[in-house]
Amino acid sequence: VRQAPVLFTACESWGEYCTAKIDNTGQRFLFTNAAGQQSPINILAISGYGGYYLGLSGLIIGRLTIPEIGEDIARVVCFDLACSNCYQNYNITKPLTLQTGGYAKCHSCQRTYNLNDCGSIADGPSGRNLYRYRVNYINDINGTLVVNNG
């Protein structure tokens, strides 16, 4: 995590988020924040740690602004970058656009999701929340982030 400043900021700062994708060459993870700043990480350098899949269209990673009910601290969360409603309704992946303030917008169905409210719909037609993955973030010397759906 520490080798990717954009990802490190998203994991350490309340209400900050970034997207995670594999770049066009297939050789690097690319972390991008709402301001467009990017941090590329060479996949070959970390591929020995196991397989990697980045959801349907990529991932959105960040730290909530306030703790969830029953929690003491605001944790790092991860959502799929694909619009859950477009995927459920049409079986196609429409990637969201990360916006400032902890929001993500689908330009296909016009829904805006509040990332700080568990990926709920903040604006647009009713529907389902964003797909969410389990996250384990350890702020050790390197910073370790594990995302899974199991």
Foldseek 3Di string as FASTA:
>chain_A
DVQWVQQVCQQPPAQWKWWWDQDPVNQWIWTATLVGDIGTDGCVVPPVVDDDDAPDGTKMWGWANAPDPPDDGTGIWMFHQFDPVCCVPPVDGQGWRHHHRQWTAGPVQGWIFRNNVVQATPDGDHDDGTHIWDWDWDPDPRIDIDTDRD
